[in-house]
Amino acid sequence: MSTATLTTSVEKIQPTAIIKLDGPLNDFHAKELIGIIDDLLPQNFVHFIINFDKCIEVNNYGVSVLISLISSINAKQGKLIFTKVDAHLEKKLKMMGLAAYAEFYSEDKVALESLIQKL
């Protein structure tokens, strides 16, 4: 079991927030992500790009947190995008059905450009 903690950084580009994860998205660490998004939604941030470049682990609890965020984001007609997801994690997230609710991109910039084109 990892003893590392999750740290996040948030870049705000209204109405989108880019959240960069550093560390494990598991167990109690994953709840931090819920708090961040719950704080941003009332501020009219509705689109979220979650960057997994430095995310070292995502367990089933972390996946369940991501699933729980989908309903909050969808309620605001927002979009959820994952970037910098390694092949193993992408396969896991797609097997869990997240591809139906979230898009996958290689880079934050490409994801942001895609959102702008759709607005």
C-alpha atoms as a PDB file:
ATOM      1  CA  MET A   1       0.000   0.000   0.000  1.00  0.00           C
ATOM      2  CA  SER A   2       1.307   3.395  -0.958  1.00  0.00           C
ATOM      3  CA  THR A   3       1.995   5.976   1.728  1.00  0.00           C
ATOM      4  CA  ALA A   4       2.318   8.805  -0.800  1.00  0.00           C
ATOM      5  CA  THR A   5      -0.254  11.558  -0.669  1.00  0.00           C
ATOM      6  CA  LEU A   6      -2.173  13.137  -3.496  1.00  0.00           C
ATOM      7  CA  THR A   7      -1.464  16.740  -4.340  1.00  0.00           C
ATOM      8  CA  THR A   8      -3.343  18.730  -6.927  1.00  0.00           C
ATOM      9  CA  SER A   9      -2.915  21.935  -8.829  1.00  0.00           C
ATOM     10  CA  VAL A  10      -5.773  23.731 -10.525  1.00  0.00           C
ATOM     11  CA  GLU A  11      -5.504  25.996 -13.551  1.00  0.00           C
ATOM     12  CA  LYS A  12      -8.678  27.993 -14.111  1.00  0.00           C
ATOM     13  CA  ILE A  13      -9.648  28.975 -17.659  1.00  0.00           C
ATOM     14  CA  GLN A  14     -13.330  29.903 -17.346  1.00  0.00           C
ATOM     15  CA  PRO A  15     -15.511  27.785 -17.774  1.00  0.00           C
ATOM     16  CA  THR A  16     -12.855  25.055 -17.634  1.00  0.00           C
ATOM     17  CA  ALA A  17     -10.595  23.893 -14.827  1.00  0.00           C
ATOM     18  CA  ILE A  18      -7.512  21.786 -15.475  1.00  0.00           C
ATOM     19  CA  ILE A  19      -6.731  19.627 -12.454  1.00  0.00           C
ATOM     20  CA  LYS A  20      -3.280  18.050 -12.364  1.00  0.00           C
ATOM     21  CA  LEU A  21      -2.927  15.065 -10.070  1.00  0.00           C
ATOM     22  CA  ASP A  22       0.368  14.179  -8.416  1.00  0.00           C
ATOM     23  CA  GLY A  23       0.362  10.985  -6.388  1.00  0.00           C
ATOM     24  CA  PRO A  24      -2.196   8.240  -5.825  1.00  0.00           C
ATOM     25  CA  LEU A  25      -5.904   8.679  -6.506  1.00  0.00           C
ATOM     26  CA  ASN A  26      -7.060   6.156  -3.981  1.00  0.00           C
ATOM     27  CA  ASP A  27      -8.939   5.750  -0.750  1.00  0.00           C
ATOM     28  CA  PHE A  28      -9.176   8.914   1.353  1.00  0.00           C
ATOM     29  CA  HIS A  29      -6.851  10.820  -1.020  1.00  0.00           C
ATOM     30  CA  ALA A  30      -9.489  10.642  -3.778  1.00  0.00           C
ATOM     31  CA  LYS A  31     -11.993  12.617  -1.699  1.00  0.00           C
ATOM     32  CA  GLU A  32      -9.846  15.725  -2.240  1.00  0.00           C
ATOM     33  CA  LEU A  33     -10.828  15.672  -5.911  1.00  0.00           C
ATOM     34  CA  ILE A  34     -14.535  15.685  -4.996  1.00  0.00           C
ATOM     35  CA  GLY A  35     -13.978  18.731  -2.785  1.00  0.00           C
ATOM     36  CA  ILE A  36     -12.145  20.613  -5.527  1.00  0.00           C
ATOM     37  CA  ILE A  37     -14.854  20.023  -8.114  1.00  0.00           C
ATOM     38  CA  ASP A  38     -17.667  20.675  -5.631  1.00  0.00           C
ATOM     39  CA  ASP A  39     -16.024  24.054  -4.869  1.00  0.00           C
ATOM     40  CA  LEU A  40     -15.585  24.968  -8.551  1.00  0.00           C
ATOM     41  CA  LEU A  41     -19.047  24.004  -9.862  1.00  0.00           C
ATOM     42  CA  PRO A  42     -20.878  26.888  -8.082  1.00  0.00           C
ATOM     43  CA  GLN A  43     -18.249  29.286  -9.511  1.00  0.00           C
ATOM     44  CA  ASN A  44     -19.468  28.411 -13.038  1.00  0.00           C
ATOM     45  CA  PHE A  45     -16.622  26.050 -13.844  1.00  0.00           C
ATOM     46  CA  VAL A  46     -18.430  23.235 -15.631  1.00  0.00           C
ATOM     47  CA  HIS A  47     -15.755  21.560 -17.771  1.00  0.00           C
ATOM     48  CA  PHE A  48     -12.974  19.626 -16.095  1.00  0.00           C
ATOM     49  CA  ILE A  49      -9.739  18.318 -17.568  1.00  0.00           C
ATOM     50  CA  ILE A  50      -8.067  15.880 -15.195  1.00  0.00           C
ATOM     51  CA  ASN A  51      -4.390  15.351 -15.987  1.00  0.00           C
ATOM     52  CA  PHE A  52      -3.033  11.973 -14.834  1.00  0.00           C
ATOM     53  CA  ASP A  53       0.597  12.544 -15.892  1.00  0.00           C
ATOM     54  CA  LYS A  54       2.002  12.284 -12.349  1.00  0.00           C
ATOM     55  CA  CYS A  55      -0.766  10.143 -10.903  1.00  0.00           C
ATOM     56  CA  ILE A  56       1.036   7.046  -9.685  1.00  0.00           C
ATOM     57  CA  GLU A  57      -1.927   4.854  -8.807  1.00  0.00           C
ATOM     58  CA  VAL A  58      -5.708   4.693  -9.199  1.00  0.00           C
ATOM     59  CA  ASN A  59      -7.512   1.983  -7.280  1.00  0.00           C
ATOM     60  CA  ASN A  60     -11.185   1.000  -7.468  1.00  0.00           C
ATOM     61  CA  TYR A  61     -12.108   3.638  -4.893  1.00  0.00           C
ATOM     62  CA  GLY A  62     -10.440   6.291  -7.056  1.00  0.00           C
ATOM     63  CA  VAL A  63     -12.422   5.062 -10.063  1.00  0.00           C
ATOM     64  CA  SER A  64     -15.646   5.223  -8.022  1.00  0.00           C
ATOM     65  CA  VAL A  65     -14.829   8.843  -7.135  1.00  0.00           C
ATOM     66  CA  LEU A  66     -14.420   9.657 -10.820  1.00  0.00           C
ATOM     67  CA  ILE A  67     -17.776   7.997 -11.530  1.00  0.00           C
ATOM     68  CA  SER A  68     -19.451  10.002  -8.759  1.00  0.00           C
ATOM     69  CA  LEU A  69     -18.125  13.242 -10.260  1.00  0.00           C
ATOM     70  CA  ILE A  70     -19.819  12.510 -13.584  1.00  0.00           C
ATOM     71  CA  SER A  71     -23.326  13.140 -12.254  1.00  0.00           C
ATOM     72  CA  SER A  72     -22.332  16.470 -10.664  1.00  0.00           C
ATOM     73  CA  ILE A  73     -20.646  17.628 -13.867  1.00  0.00           C
ATOM     74  CA  ASN A  74     -23.473  16.379 -16.106  1.00  0.00           C
ATOM     75  CA  ALA A  75     -26.022  18.230 -13.960  1.00  0.00           C
ATOM     76  CA  LYS A  76     -24.301  21.474 -15.036  1.00  0.00           C
ATOM     77  CA  GLN A  77     -24.099  20.314 -18.694  1.00  0.00           C
ATOM     78  CA  GLY A  78     -20.347  20.121 -18.317  1.00  0.00           C
ATOM     79  CA  LYS A  79     -17.729  17.832 -19.799  1.00  0.00           C
ATOM     80  CA  LEU A  80     -15.166  15.595 -18.139  1.00  0.00           C
ATOM     81  CA  ILE A  81     -11.897  14.963 -19.960  1.00  0.00           C
ATOM     82  CA  PHE A  82      -8.914  12.842 -18.950  1.00  0.00           C
ATOM     83  CA  THR A  83      -5.426  13.640 -20.250  1.00  0.00           C
ATOM     84  CA  LYS A  84      -1.993  12.032 -19.988  1.00  0.00           C
ATOM     85  CA  VAL A  85      -3.535   8.682 -19.043  1.00  0.00           C
ATOM     86  CA  ASP A  86      -1.137   5.763 -19.391  1.00  0.00           C
ATOM     87  CA  ALA A  87      -2.257   2.734 -21.420  1.00  0.00           C
ATOM     88  CA  HIS A  88      -2.920   0.537 -18.362  1.00  0.00           C
ATOM     89  CA  LEU A  89      -5.094   3.122 -16.609  1.00  0.00           C
ATOM     90  CA  GLU A  90      -6.920   4.034 -19.819  1.00  0.00           C
ATOM     91  CA  LYS A  91      -7.826   0.376 -20.297  1.00  0.00           C
ATOM     92  CA  LYS A  92      -9.053   0.159 -16.691  1.00  0.00           C
ATOM     93  CA  LEU A  93     -11.162   3.320 -16.959  1.00  0.00           C
ATOM     94  CA  LYS A  94     -12.680   2.202 -20.248  1.00  0.00           C
ATOM     95  CA  MET A  95     -13.473  -1.248 -18.827  1.00  0.00           C
ATOM     96  CA  MET A  96     -15.286   0.463 -15.954  1.00  0.00           C
ATOM     97  CA  GLY A  97     -17.458   2.321 -18.477  1.00  0.00           C
ATOM     98  CA  LEU A  98     -16.009   5.818 -18.069  1.00  0.00           C
ATOM     99  CA  ALA A  99     -15.418   6.239 -21.811  1.00  0.00           C
ATOM    100  CA  ALA A 100     -19.180   6.728 -22.191  1.00  0.00           C
ATOM    101  CA  TYR A 101     -18.999   9.815 -19.950  1.00  0.00           C
ATOM    102  CA  ALA A 102     -15.476  11.170 -20.351  1.00  0.00           C
ATOM    103  CA  GLU A 103     -13.186  11.846 -23.278  1.00  0.00           C
ATOM    104  CA  PHE A 104      -9.508  10.911 -23.423  1.00  0.00           C
ATOM    105  CA  TYR A 105      -6.819  13.191 -24.898  1.00  0.00           C
ATOM    106  CA  SER A 106      -3.044  13.033 -24.939  1.00  0.00           C
ATOM    107  CA  GLU A 107      -2.459  16.664 -23.919  1.00  0.00           C
ATOM    108  CA  ASP A 108      -4.294  19.386 -21.952  1.00  0.00           C
ATOM    109  CA  LYS A 109      -3.902  21.837 -24.829  1.00  0.00           C
ATOM    110  CA  VAL A 110      -5.596  19.477 -27.312  1.00  0.00           C
ATOM    111  CA  ALA A 111      -8.426  18.814 -24.842  1.00  0.00           C
ATOM    112  CA  LEU A 112      -8.925  22.549 -24.254  1.00  0.00           C
ATOM    113  CA  GLU A 113      -8.980  23.246 -27.999  1.00  0.00           C
ATOM    114  CA  SER A 114     -11.587  20.505 -28.419  1.00  0.00           C
ATOM    115  CA  LEU A 115     -13.787  22.078 -25.741  1.00  0.00           C
ATOM    116  CA  ILE A 116     -13.507  25.513 -27.328  1.00  0.00           C
ATOM    117  CA  GLN A 117     -14.565  24.116 -30.706  1.00  0.00           C
ATOM    118  CA  LYS A 118     -17.642  22.499 -29.132  1.00  0.00           C
ATOM    119  CA  LEU A 119     -18.793  25.643 -27.300  1.00  0.00           C
END
